[in-house]
Amino acid sequence: MALNLYAEYGDMAEARGLLRGGLMQRDADYGSIYRGWIAMEADHAGNVDFARALFGEWRALCGDQDGGFWCRYIAFEARDVAEAAVAACPREPAVHAKCARLELLLGHEDRASAVLARALAAFDSDAAAQEWLVDQVRVYRDALRRRTLAGRLLSCCRAVMPSRRPHGGYEKLHSV
């Protein structure tokens, strides 16, 4: 609701007030509220420093034992580091490729495509670098998809296989 308010009316103060009020509720889902608020600040409004302060609040509130917090924080900082690396080394295709692969690993194919598009624009006069970049990102994306599909199929097979084992009575029928 807060993101919609911000997106439609551009009223960040009202959106922040809604989120802060949500945190004050007795049965508040702190992780959900903070994840949404951080996404609104960092991804939609570009307030990375404010988003970082929200991570500090979340950590202070939920403690160091919240795995959801740490997973989100790692992804947030890794993206920031990757963007800084691209800014520092704009003519290094490997840095651009690593940044795009990070987005794929984090599950953001749309962001990976945007990173790749910026990289291709940066190397518009170097066809070999462009081809290498596309190959690096495509191969990594395909490997992640295969790994995910293979992992799903393997776990599905493991779940089905025990139910297909013959029961003792079945073996006795064959021996007759």
N, C-alpha and C. Protein backbone atom coordinates (compact mmCIF):
# COMPACT_ATOMS: atom_id res chain seq x y z
N MET A 1 0.82 -1.18 0.00
CA MET A 1 0.00 0.00 0.00
C MET A 1 0.88 1.26 0.00
N ALA A 2 1.94 1.24 0.80
CA ALA A 2 2.83 2.39 0.87
C ALA A 2 3.52 2.62 -0.47
N LEU A 3 3.96 1.54 -1.12
CA LEU A 3 4.61 1.67 -2.42
C LEU A 3 3.65 2.25 -3.45
N ASN A 4 2.41 1.80 -3.44
CA ASN A 4 1.40 2.34 -4.36
C ASN A 4 1.17 3.82 -4.10
N LEU A 5 1.11 4.21 -2.84
CA LEU A 5 0.94 5.61 -2.48
C LEU A 5 2.09 6.43 -3.03
N TYR A 6 3.29 5.93 -2.85
CA TYR A 6 4.47 6.64 -3.35
C TYR A 6 4.47 6.68 -4.88
N ALA A 7 4.17 5.53 -5.51
CA ALA A 7 4.20 5.45 -6.97
C ALA A 7 3.15 6.35 -7.61
N GLU A 8 1.96 6.40 -7.03
CA GLU A 8 0.88 7.18 -7.63
C GLU A 8 0.99 8.67 -7.34
N TYR A 9 1.35 9.02 -6.10
CA TYR A 9 1.32 10.43 -5.70
C TYR A 9 2.69 11.02 -5.40
N GLY A 10 3.72 10.18 -5.35
CA GLY A 10 5.07 10.67 -5.08
C GLY A 10 5.24 11.16 -3.65
N ASP A 11 4.37 10.75 -2.76
CA ASP A 11 4.40 11.22 -1.38
C ASP A 11 5.18 10.25 -0.50
N MET A 12 6.47 10.47 -0.43
CA MET A 12 7.33 9.59 0.34
C MET A 12 7.07 9.73 1.83
N ALA A 13 6.77 10.94 2.30
CA ALA A 13 6.53 11.15 3.73
C ALA A 13 5.32 10.34 4.19
N GLU A 14 4.24 10.35 3.42
CA GLU A 14 3.04 9.59 3.78
C GLU A 14 3.31 8.08 3.73
N ALA A 15 4.04 7.65 2.71
CA ALA A 15 4.38 6.23 2.58
C ALA A 15 5.24 5.78 3.76
N ARG A 16 6.21 6.59 4.13
CA ARG A 16 7.06 6.25 5.28
C ARG A 16 6.23 6.20 6.57
N GLY A 17 5.28 7.11 6.69
CA GLY A 17 4.41 7.11 7.87
C GLY A 17 3.60 5.83 7.97
N LEU A 18 3.08 5.35 6.85
CA LEU A 18 2.34 4.09 6.85
C LEU A 18 3.22 2.93 7.28
N LEU A 19 4.42 2.89 6.75
CA LEU A 19 5.33 1.80 7.10
C LEU A 19 5.77 1.87 8.56
N ARG A 20 6.07 3.07 9.04
CA ARG A 20 6.45 3.23 10.45
C ARG A 20 5.30 2.81 11.36
N GLY A 21 4.07 3.17 10.97
CA GLY A 21 2.90 2.75 11.74
C GLY A 21 2.74 1.24 11.74
N GLY A 22 3.03 0.61 10.62
CA GLY A 22 2.96 -0.85 10.55
C GLY A 22 3.94 -1.51 11.50
N LEU A 23 5.11 -0.92 11.66
CA LEU A 23 6.11 -1.48 12.57
C LEU A 23 5.69 -1.36 14.03
N MET A 24 4.80 -0.42 14.33
CA MET A 24 4.36 -0.22 15.71
C MET A 24 3.22 -1.14 16.12
N GLN A 25 2.69 -1.91 15.19
CA GLN A 25 1.61 -2.84 15.51
C GLN A 25 2.14 -3.98 16.36
N ARG A 26 1.29 -4.50 17.22
CA ARG A 26 1.70 -5.55 18.15
C ARG A 26 2.17 -6.81 17.43
N ASP A 27 1.45 -7.24 16.41
CA ASP A 27 1.80 -8.47 15.69
C ASP A 27 2.43 -8.18 14.33
N ALA A 28 3.25 -7.16 14.27
CA ALA A 28 3.85 -6.73 13.00
C ALA A 28 4.79 -7.80 12.46
N ASP A 29 4.75 -7.99 11.16
CA ASP A 29 5.71 -8.86 10.47
C ASP A 29 6.88 -7.96 10.05
N TYR A 30 7.83 -7.81 10.95
CA TYR A 30 8.92 -6.86 10.73
C TYR A 30 9.68 -7.14 9.44
N GLY A 31 9.96 -8.41 9.17
CA GLY A 31 10.70 -8.75 7.97
C GLY A 31 10.00 -8.28 6.71
N SER A 32 8.70 -8.52 6.62
CA SER A 32 7.95 -8.10 5.42
C SER A 32 7.91 -6.59 5.29
N ILE A 33 7.69 -5.91 6.40
CA ILE A 33 7.62 -4.44 6.35
C ILE A 33 8.97 -3.86 5.95
N TYR A 34 10.03 -4.32 6.60
CA TYR A 34 11.35 -3.79 6.27
C TYR A 34 11.76 -4.13 4.83
N ARG A 35 11.47 -5.35 4.37
CA ARG A 35 11.82 -5.71 2.99
C ARG A 35 11.10 -4.79 2.00
N GLY A 36 9.82 -4.56 2.22
CA GLY A 36 9.07 -3.67 1.34
C GLY A 36 9.56 -2.24 1.39
N TRP A 37 9.85 -1.78 2.59
CA TRP A 37 10.29 -0.40 2.76
C TRP A 37 11.67 -0.20 2.13
N ILE A 38 12.56 -1.14 2.36
CA ILE A 38 13.91 -1.04 1.79
C ILE A 38 13.84 -1.06 0.27
N ALA A 39 13.00 -1.92 -0.29
CA ALA A 39 12.85 -1.96 -1.75
C ALA A 39 12.31 -0.64 -2.27
N MET A 40 11.33 -0.07 -1.57
CA MET A 40 10.77 1.21 -2.00
C MET A 40 11.84 2.30 -1.97
N GLU A 41 12.61 2.35 -0.90
CA GLU A 41 13.63 3.39 -0.78
C GLU A 41 14.76 3.21 -1.79
N ALA A 42 15.31 2.01 -1.87
CA ALA A 42 16.49 1.78 -2.70
C ALA A 42 16.15 1.64 -4.17
N ASP A 43 15.16 0.82 -4.48
CA ASP A 43 14.88 0.49 -5.87
C ASP A 43 14.02 1.53 -6.58
N HIS A 44 13.07 2.11 -5.87
CA HIS A 44 12.13 3.01 -6.52
C HIS A 44 12.48 4.49 -6.33
N ALA A 45 12.99 4.83 -5.15
CA ALA A 45 13.30 6.23 -4.88
C ALA A 45 14.79 6.54 -4.96
N GLY A 46 15.62 5.51 -5.00
CA GLY A 46 17.07 5.72 -5.09
C GLY A 46 17.71 6.22 -3.81
N ASN A 47 17.04 6.03 -2.67
CA ASN A 47 17.57 6.47 -1.38
C ASN A 47 18.37 5.34 -0.73
N VAL A 48 19.54 5.07 -1.27
CA VAL A 48 20.34 3.94 -0.80
C VAL A 48 20.80 4.15 0.64
N ASP A 49 21.18 5.35 1.01
CA ASP A 49 21.63 5.60 2.38
C ASP A 49 20.50 5.40 3.38
N PHE A 50 19.30 5.84 3.02
CA PHE A 50 18.15 5.64 3.89
C PHE A 50 17.83 4.15 4.01
N ALA A 51 17.94 3.44 2.89
CA ALA A 51 17.70 1.99 2.91
C ALA A 51 18.72 1.31 3.82
N ARG A 52 19.95 1.76 3.78
CA ARG A 52 20.99 1.18 4.63
C ARG A 52 20.67 1.44 6.11
N ALA A 53 20.15 2.62 6.41
CA ALA A 53 19.75 2.93 7.80
C ALA A 53 18.60 2.02 8.23
N LEU A 54 17.69 1.70 7.30
CA LEU A 54 16.60 0.78 7.62
C LEU A 54 17.13 -0.61 7.95
N PHE A 55 18.16 -1.04 7.24
CA PHE A 55 18.78 -2.32 7.57
C PHE A 55 19.31 -2.28 9.01
N GLY A 56 19.89 -1.16 9.40
CA GLY A 56 20.38 -1.02 10.77
C GLY A 56 19.25 -1.14 11.79
N GLU A 57 18.12 -0.50 11.52
CA GLU A 57 16.96 -0.60 12.40
C GLU A 57 16.46 -2.04 12.48
N TRP A 58 16.36 -2.69 11.32
CA TRP A 58 15.86 -4.06 11.26
C TRP A 58 16.75 -4.99 12.08
N ARG A 59 18.06 -4.82 11.93
CA ARG A 59 19.00 -5.65 12.67
C ARG A 59 18.87 -5.41 14.17
N ALA A 60 18.75 -4.13 14.57
CA ALA A 60 18.62 -3.81 16.00
C ALA A 60 17.33 -4.38 16.58
N LEU A 61 16.29 -4.39 15.79
CA LEU A 61 14.99 -4.87 16.25
C LEU A 61 14.92 -6.39 16.32
N CYS A 62 15.44 -7.06 15.30
CA CYS A 62 15.29 -8.52 15.20
C CYS A 62 16.51 -9.30 15.65
N GLY A 63 17.61 -8.63 15.86
CA GLY A 63 18.81 -9.32 16.33
C GLY A 63 19.58 -10.00 15.21
N ASP A 64 20.68 -10.59 15.59
CA ASP A 64 21.58 -11.20 14.62
C ASP A 64 21.16 -12.59 14.18
N GLN A 65 20.11 -13.14 14.75
CA GLN A 65 19.73 -14.52 14.45
C GLN A 65 18.70 -14.63 13.32
N ASP A 66 18.35 -13.53 12.68
CA ASP A 66 17.33 -13.52 11.62
C ASP A 66 18.01 -13.76 10.27
N GLY A 67 17.90 -14.99 9.76
CA GLY A 67 18.52 -15.33 8.48
C GLY A 67 17.96 -14.53 7.32
N GLY A 68 16.67 -14.21 7.36
CA GLY A 68 16.07 -13.40 6.30
C GLY A 68 16.71 -12.04 6.20
N PHE A 69 17.00 -11.45 7.35
CA PHE A 69 17.69 -10.16 7.37
C PHE A 69 19.03 -10.27 6.67
N TRP A 70 19.83 -11.27 7.08
CA TRP A 70 21.18 -11.39 6.54
C TRP A 70 21.17 -11.68 5.05
N CYS A 71 20.26 -12.51 4.59
CA CYS A 71 20.18 -12.80 3.14
C CYS A 71 19.88 -11.53 2.36
N ARG A 72 18.92 -10.76 2.84
CA ARG A 72 18.55 -9.51 2.15
C ARG A 72 19.70 -8.50 2.20
N TYR A 73 20.36 -8.41 3.35
CA TYR A 73 21.44 -7.45 3.49
C TYR A 73 22.63 -7.80 2.60
N ILE A 74 22.97 -9.08 2.51
CA ILE A 74 24.05 -9.52 1.62
C ILE A 74 23.74 -9.13 0.19
N ALA A 75 22.51 -9.40 -0.25
CA ALA A 75 22.13 -9.05 -1.62
C ALA A 75 22.21 -7.55 -1.84
N PHE A 76 21.77 -6.76 -0.87
CA PHE A 76 21.80 -5.30 -0.98
C PHE A 76 23.22 -4.79 -1.12
N GLU A 77 24.11 -5.24 -0.23
CA GLU A 77 25.49 -4.76 -0.27
C GLU A 77 26.25 -5.31 -1.47
N ALA A 78 25.99 -6.54 -1.86
CA ALA A 78 26.67 -7.12 -3.02
C ALA A 78 26.35 -6.31 -4.28
N ARG A 79 25.10 -5.92 -4.41
CA ARG A 79 24.70 -5.11 -5.57
C ARG A 79 25.42 -3.76 -5.53
N ASP A 80 25.51 -3.17 -4.36
CA ASP A 80 26.18 -1.88 -4.22
C ASP A 80 27.66 -2.00 -4.59
N VAL A 81 28.29 -3.07 -4.15
CA VAL A 81 29.70 -3.30 -4.48
C VAL A 81 29.87 -3.51 -5.98
N ALA A 82 28.97 -4.28 -6.59
CA ALA A 82 29.06 -4.55 -8.03
C ALA A 82 28.90 -3.25 -8.82
N GLU A 83 27.95 -2.42 -8.42
CA GLU A 83 27.76 -1.14 -9.12
C GLU A 83 28.97 -0.22 -8.96
N ALA A 84 29.59 -0.24 -7.78
CA ALA A 84 30.81 0.55 -7.57
C ALA A 84 31.94 0.03 -8.45
N ALA A 85 32.02 -1.28 -8.60
CA ALA A 85 33.07 -1.87 -9.43
C ALA A 85 32.90 -1.48 -10.90
N VAL A 86 31.67 -1.48 -11.37
CA VAL A 86 31.41 -1.07 -12.76
C VAL A 86 31.76 0.40 -12.95
N ALA A 87 31.42 1.23 -11.95
CA ALA A 87 31.75 2.65 -12.05
C ALA A 87 33.27 2.86 -12.03
N ALA A 88 33.98 2.05 -11.27
CA ALA A 88 35.44 2.19 -11.17
C ALA A 88 36.16 1.63 -12.40
N CYS A 89 35.60 0.60 -13.01
CA CYS A 89 36.24 -0.06 -14.16
C CYS A 89 35.27 -0.16 -15.33
N PRO A 90 34.87 0.96 -15.88
CA PRO A 90 33.84 0.93 -16.94
C PRO A 90 34.31 0.27 -18.24
N ARG A 91 35.60 0.13 -18.44
CA ARG A 91 36.11 -0.47 -19.68
C ARG A 91 36.59 -1.90 -19.47
N GLU A 92 36.18 -2.52 -18.38
CA GLU A 92 36.56 -3.90 -18.09
C GLU A 92 35.34 -4.80 -18.24
N PRO A 93 35.25 -5.55 -19.34
CA PRO A 93 34.05 -6.37 -19.58
C PRO A 93 33.80 -7.42 -18.49
N ALA A 94 34.85 -7.94 -17.87
CA ALA A 94 34.66 -8.96 -16.84
C ALA A 94 33.90 -8.41 -15.63
N VAL A 95 34.10 -7.14 -15.32
CA VAL A 95 33.39 -6.53 -14.19
C VAL A 95 31.90 -6.41 -14.53
N HIS A 96 31.61 -5.98 -15.75
CA HIS A 96 30.21 -5.89 -16.18
C HIS A 96 29.54 -7.27 -16.16
N ALA A 97 30.26 -8.27 -16.64
CA ALA A 97 29.71 -9.62 -16.67
C ALA A 97 29.45 -10.14 -15.26
N LYS A 98 30.36 -9.88 -14.34
CA LYS A 98 30.19 -10.32 -12.95
C LYS A 98 28.96 -9.66 -12.33
N CYS A 99 28.77 -8.39 -12.62
CA CYS A 99 27.61 -7.66 -12.10
C CYS A 99 26.31 -8.27 -12.63
N ALA A 100 26.27 -8.58 -13.92
CA ALA A 100 25.07 -9.19 -14.51
C ALA A 100 24.84 -10.58 -13.93
N ARG A 101 25.90 -11.33 -13.74
CA ARG A 101 25.75 -12.68 -13.17
C ARG A 101 25.28 -12.62 -11.72
N LEU A 102 25.72 -11.61 -10.99
CA LEU A 102 25.23 -11.42 -9.62
C LEU A 102 23.72 -11.24 -9.61
N GLU A 103 23.22 -10.40 -10.51
CA GLU A 103 21.78 -10.18 -10.58
C GLU A 103 21.04 -11.48 -10.91
N LEU A 104 21.61 -12.27 -11.81
CA LEU A 104 20.99 -13.56 -12.12
C LEU A 104 20.98 -14.46 -10.89
N LEU A 105 22.09 -14.49 -10.17
CA LEU A 105 22.18 -15.32 -8.98
C LEU A 105 21.17 -14.88 -7.93
N LEU A 106 20.93 -13.59 -7.85
CA LEU A 106 19.96 -13.05 -6.89
C LEU A 106 18.52 -13.23 -7.37
N GLY A 107 18.36 -13.74 -8.60
CA GLY A 107 17.02 -14.00 -9.11
C GLY A 107 16.37 -12.84 -9.83
N HIS A 108 17.16 -11.87 -10.27
CA HIS A 108 16.62 -10.68 -10.93
C HIS A 108 17.07 -10.65 -12.39
N GLU A 109 16.39 -11.43 -13.21
CA GLU A 109 16.76 -11.50 -14.62
C GLU A 109 16.57 -10.16 -15.32
N ASP A 110 15.55 -9.40 -14.93
CA ASP A 110 15.33 -8.09 -15.54
C ASP A 110 16.49 -7.14 -15.24
N ARG A 111 16.99 -7.17 -14.03
CA ARG A 111 18.15 -6.32 -13.69
C ARG A 111 19.40 -6.80 -14.42
N ALA A 112 19.55 -8.10 -14.53
CA ALA A 112 20.70 -8.64 -15.26
C ALA A 112 20.67 -8.18 -16.72
N SER A 113 19.48 -8.18 -17.30
CA SER A 113 19.34 -7.70 -18.69
C SER A 113 19.69 -6.23 -18.80
N ALA A 114 19.29 -5.44 -17.81
CA ALA A 114 19.62 -4.01 -17.82
C ALA A 114 21.12 -3.79 -17.68
N VAL A 115 21.77 -4.56 -16.81
CA VAL A 115 23.22 -4.46 -16.65
C VAL A 115 23.91 -4.84 -17.96
N LEU A 116 23.44 -5.91 -18.58
CA LEU A 116 24.03 -6.34 -19.85
C LEU A 116 23.82 -5.28 -20.93
N ALA A 117 22.65 -4.68 -20.97
CA ALA A 117 22.38 -3.63 -21.97
C ALA A 117 23.32 -2.44 -21.79
N ARG A 118 23.54 -2.04 -20.54
CA ARG A 118 24.49 -0.94 -20.28
C ARG A 118 25.90 -1.33 -20.68
N ALA A 119 26.27 -2.58 -20.42
CA ALA A 119 27.61 -3.06 -20.79
C ALA A 119 27.78 -3.07 -22.30
N LEU A 120 26.76 -3.54 -23.01
CA LEU A 120 26.84 -3.57 -24.47
C LEU A 120 26.96 -2.16 -25.04
N ALA A 121 26.27 -1.21 -24.41
CA ALA A 121 26.37 0.18 -24.85
C ALA A 121 27.78 0.73 -24.58
N ALA A 122 28.36 0.33 -23.45
CA ALA A 122 29.71 0.80 -23.11
C ALA A 122 30.76 0.27 -24.08
N PHE A 123 30.48 -0.90 -24.67
CA PHE A 123 31.43 -1.52 -25.60
C PHE A 123 30.86 -1.53 -27.02
N ASP A 124 30.17 -0.46 -27.38
CA ASP A 124 29.50 -0.41 -28.69
C ASP A 124 30.46 -0.48 -29.87
N SER A 125 31.72 -0.12 -29.66
CA SER A 125 32.69 -0.17 -30.76
C SER A 125 33.59 -1.41 -30.69
N ASP A 126 33.30 -2.32 -29.77
CA ASP A 126 34.13 -3.51 -29.60
C ASP A 126 33.24 -4.76 -29.71
N ALA A 127 33.11 -5.26 -30.94
CA ALA A 127 32.23 -6.40 -31.18
C ALA A 127 32.67 -7.65 -30.42
N ALA A 128 33.98 -7.85 -30.29
CA ALA A 128 34.47 -9.03 -29.57
C ALA A 128 34.07 -8.97 -28.09
N ALA A 129 34.19 -7.79 -27.49
CA ALA A 129 33.81 -7.64 -26.08
C ALA A 129 32.30 -7.85 -25.92
N GLN A 130 31.52 -7.32 -26.85
CA GLN A 130 30.07 -7.51 -26.78
C GLN A 130 29.70 -8.99 -26.88
N GLU A 131 30.32 -9.68 -27.81
CA GLU A 131 30.03 -11.11 -27.97
C GLU A 131 30.42 -11.88 -26.72
N TRP A 132 31.58 -11.55 -26.14
CA TRP A 132 32.04 -12.21 -24.93
C TRP A 132 31.07 -11.96 -23.78
N LEU A 133 30.61 -10.71 -23.63
CA LEU A 133 29.66 -10.37 -22.57
C LEU A 133 28.36 -11.16 -22.70
N VAL A 134 27.82 -11.19 -23.90
CA VAL A 134 26.56 -11.91 -24.13
C VAL A 134 26.75 -13.39 -23.82
N ASP A 135 27.86 -13.95 -24.26
CA ASP A 135 28.12 -15.37 -23.99
C ASP A 135 28.25 -15.65 -22.49
N GLN A 136 28.99 -14.80 -21.79
CA GLN A 136 29.18 -14.99 -20.34
C GLN A 136 27.85 -14.99 -19.60
N VAL A 137 27.00 -14.03 -19.91
CA VAL A 137 25.73 -13.92 -19.21
C VAL A 137 24.78 -15.04 -19.63
N ARG A 138 24.75 -15.36 -20.91
CA ARG A 138 23.85 -16.42 -21.39
C ARG A 138 24.24 -17.77 -20.81
N VAL A 139 25.51 -18.09 -20.82
CA VAL A 139 25.97 -19.38 -20.30
C VAL A 139 25.67 -19.50 -18.80
N TYR A 140 25.90 -18.43 -18.07
CA TYR A 140 25.63 -18.46 -16.63
C TYR A 140 24.13 -18.60 -16.36
N ARG A 141 23.32 -17.84 -17.09
CA ARG A 141 21.86 -17.94 -16.94
C ARG A 141 21.38 -19.35 -17.25
N ASP A 142 21.88 -19.92 -18.33
CA ASP A 142 21.48 -21.27 -18.70
C ASP A 142 21.92 -22.29 -17.64
N ALA A 143 23.12 -22.10 -17.08
CA ALA A 143 23.60 -23.02 -16.04
C ALA A 143 22.73 -22.92 -14.79
N LEU A 144 22.34 -21.71 -14.42
CA LEU A 144 21.46 -21.56 -13.26
C LEU A 144 20.10 -22.20 -13.52
N ARG A 145 19.59 -22.04 -14.71
CA ARG A 145 18.30 -22.65 -15.04
C ARG A 145 18.39 -24.17 -15.01
N ARG A 146 19.46 -24.73 -15.57
CA ARG A 146 19.62 -26.18 -15.56
C ARG A 146 19.78 -26.69 -14.13
N ARG A 147 20.56 -25.98 -13.36
CA ARG A 147 20.79 -26.39 -11.97
C ARG A 147 19.48 -26.35 -11.20
N THR A 148 18.70 -25.34 -11.43
CA THR A 148 17.43 -25.21 -10.73
C THR A 148 16.47 -26.30 -11.19
N LEU A 149 16.38 -26.52 -12.49
CA LEU A 149 15.50 -27.56 -13.02
C LEU A 149 15.98 -28.93 -12.57
N ALA A 150 17.28 -29.16 -12.66
CA ALA A 150 17.81 -30.46 -12.24
C ALA A 150 17.57 -30.69 -10.75
N GLY A 151 17.75 -29.64 -9.96
CA GLY A 151 17.50 -29.76 -8.53
C GLY A 151 16.05 -30.08 -8.23
N ARG A 152 15.16 -29.45 -8.95
CA ARG A 152 13.73 -29.73 -8.75
C ARG A 152 13.39 -31.15 -9.16
N LEU A 153 13.91 -31.57 -10.30
CA LEU A 153 13.62 -32.93 -10.76
C LEU A 153 14.19 -33.97 -9.81
N LEU A 154 15.39 -33.74 -9.33
CA LEU A 154 16.03 -34.68 -8.40
C LEU A 154 15.22 -34.80 -7.11
N SER A 155 14.81 -33.67 -6.55
CA SER A 155 14.05 -33.74 -5.30
C SER A 155 12.69 -34.38 -5.54
N CYS A 156 12.10 -34.15 -6.70
CA CYS A 156 10.83 -34.79 -7.03
C CYS A 156 11.01 -36.31 -7.13
N CYS A 157 12.07 -36.73 -7.79
CA CYS A 157 12.35 -38.17 -7.93
C CYS A 157 12.60 -38.81 -6.57
N ARG A 158 13.31 -38.12 -5.71
CA ARG A 158 13.58 -38.66 -4.38
C ARG A 158 12.29 -38.82 -3.59
N ALA A 159 11.36 -37.91 -3.79
CA ALA A 159 10.09 -37.99 -3.07
C ALA A 159 9.23 -39.13 -3.59
N VAL A 160 9.32 -39.43 -4.89
CA VAL A 160 8.48 -40.46 -5.50
C VAL A 160 9.08 -41.85 -5.33
N MET A 161 10.37 -41.97 -5.40
CA MET A 161 11.03 -43.28 -5.40
C MET A 161 10.67 -44.16 -4.20
N PRO A 162 10.67 -43.65 -2.98
CA PRO A 162 10.35 -44.55 -1.86
C PRO A 162 8.94 -45.15 -1.97
N SER A 163 8.01 -44.43 -2.56
CA SER A 163 6.65 -44.95 -2.65
C SER A 163 6.53 -46.04 -3.72
N ARG A 164 7.53 -46.19 -4.56
CA ARG A 164 7.48 -47.21 -5.61
C ARG A 164 8.18 -48.51 -5.21
N ARG A 165 8.78 -48.53 -4.06
CA ARG A 165 9.47 -49.74 -3.63
C ARG A 165 8.44 -50.82 -3.32
N PRO A 166 8.72 -52.05 -3.66
CA PRO A 166 7.77 -53.12 -3.39
C PRO A 166 7.61 -53.36 -1.90
N HIS A 167 6.41 -53.65 -1.53
CA HIS A 167 6.11 -54.00 -0.14
C HIS A 167 6.37 -55.49 0.04
N GLY A 168 6.50 -55.92 1.29
CA GLY A 168 6.76 -57.33 1.58
C GLY A 168 5.74 -58.26 0.95
N GLY A 169 4.47 -57.87 0.96
CA GLY A 169 3.43 -58.70 0.37
C GLY A 169 3.59 -58.85 -1.12
N TYR A 170 4.11 -57.82 -1.79
CA TYR A 170 4.32 -57.86 -3.23
C TYR A 170 5.37 -58.91 -3.58
N GLU A 171 6.45 -58.97 -2.78
CA GLU A 171 7.50 -59.95 -3.02
C GLU A 171 6.97 -61.37 -2.83
N LYS A 172 6.08 -61.57 -1.85
CA LYS A 172 5.51 -62.88 -1.60
C LYS A 172 4.64 -63.35 -2.76
N LEU A 173 3.95 -62.42 -3.42
CA LEU A 173 3.13 -62.76 -4.57
C LEU A 173 4.00 -63.29 -5.70
N HIS A 174 5.15 -62.69 -5.91
CA HIS A 174 6.05 -63.12 -6.99
C HIS A 174 6.69 -64.47 -6.71
N SER A 175 6.82 -64.81 -5.45
CA SER A 175 7.46 -66.09 -5.13
C SER A 175 6.50 -67.28 -5.25
N VAL A 176 5.23 -67.03 -5.39
CA VAL A 176 4.23 -68.12 -5.48
C VAL A 176 4.18 -68.72 -6.84
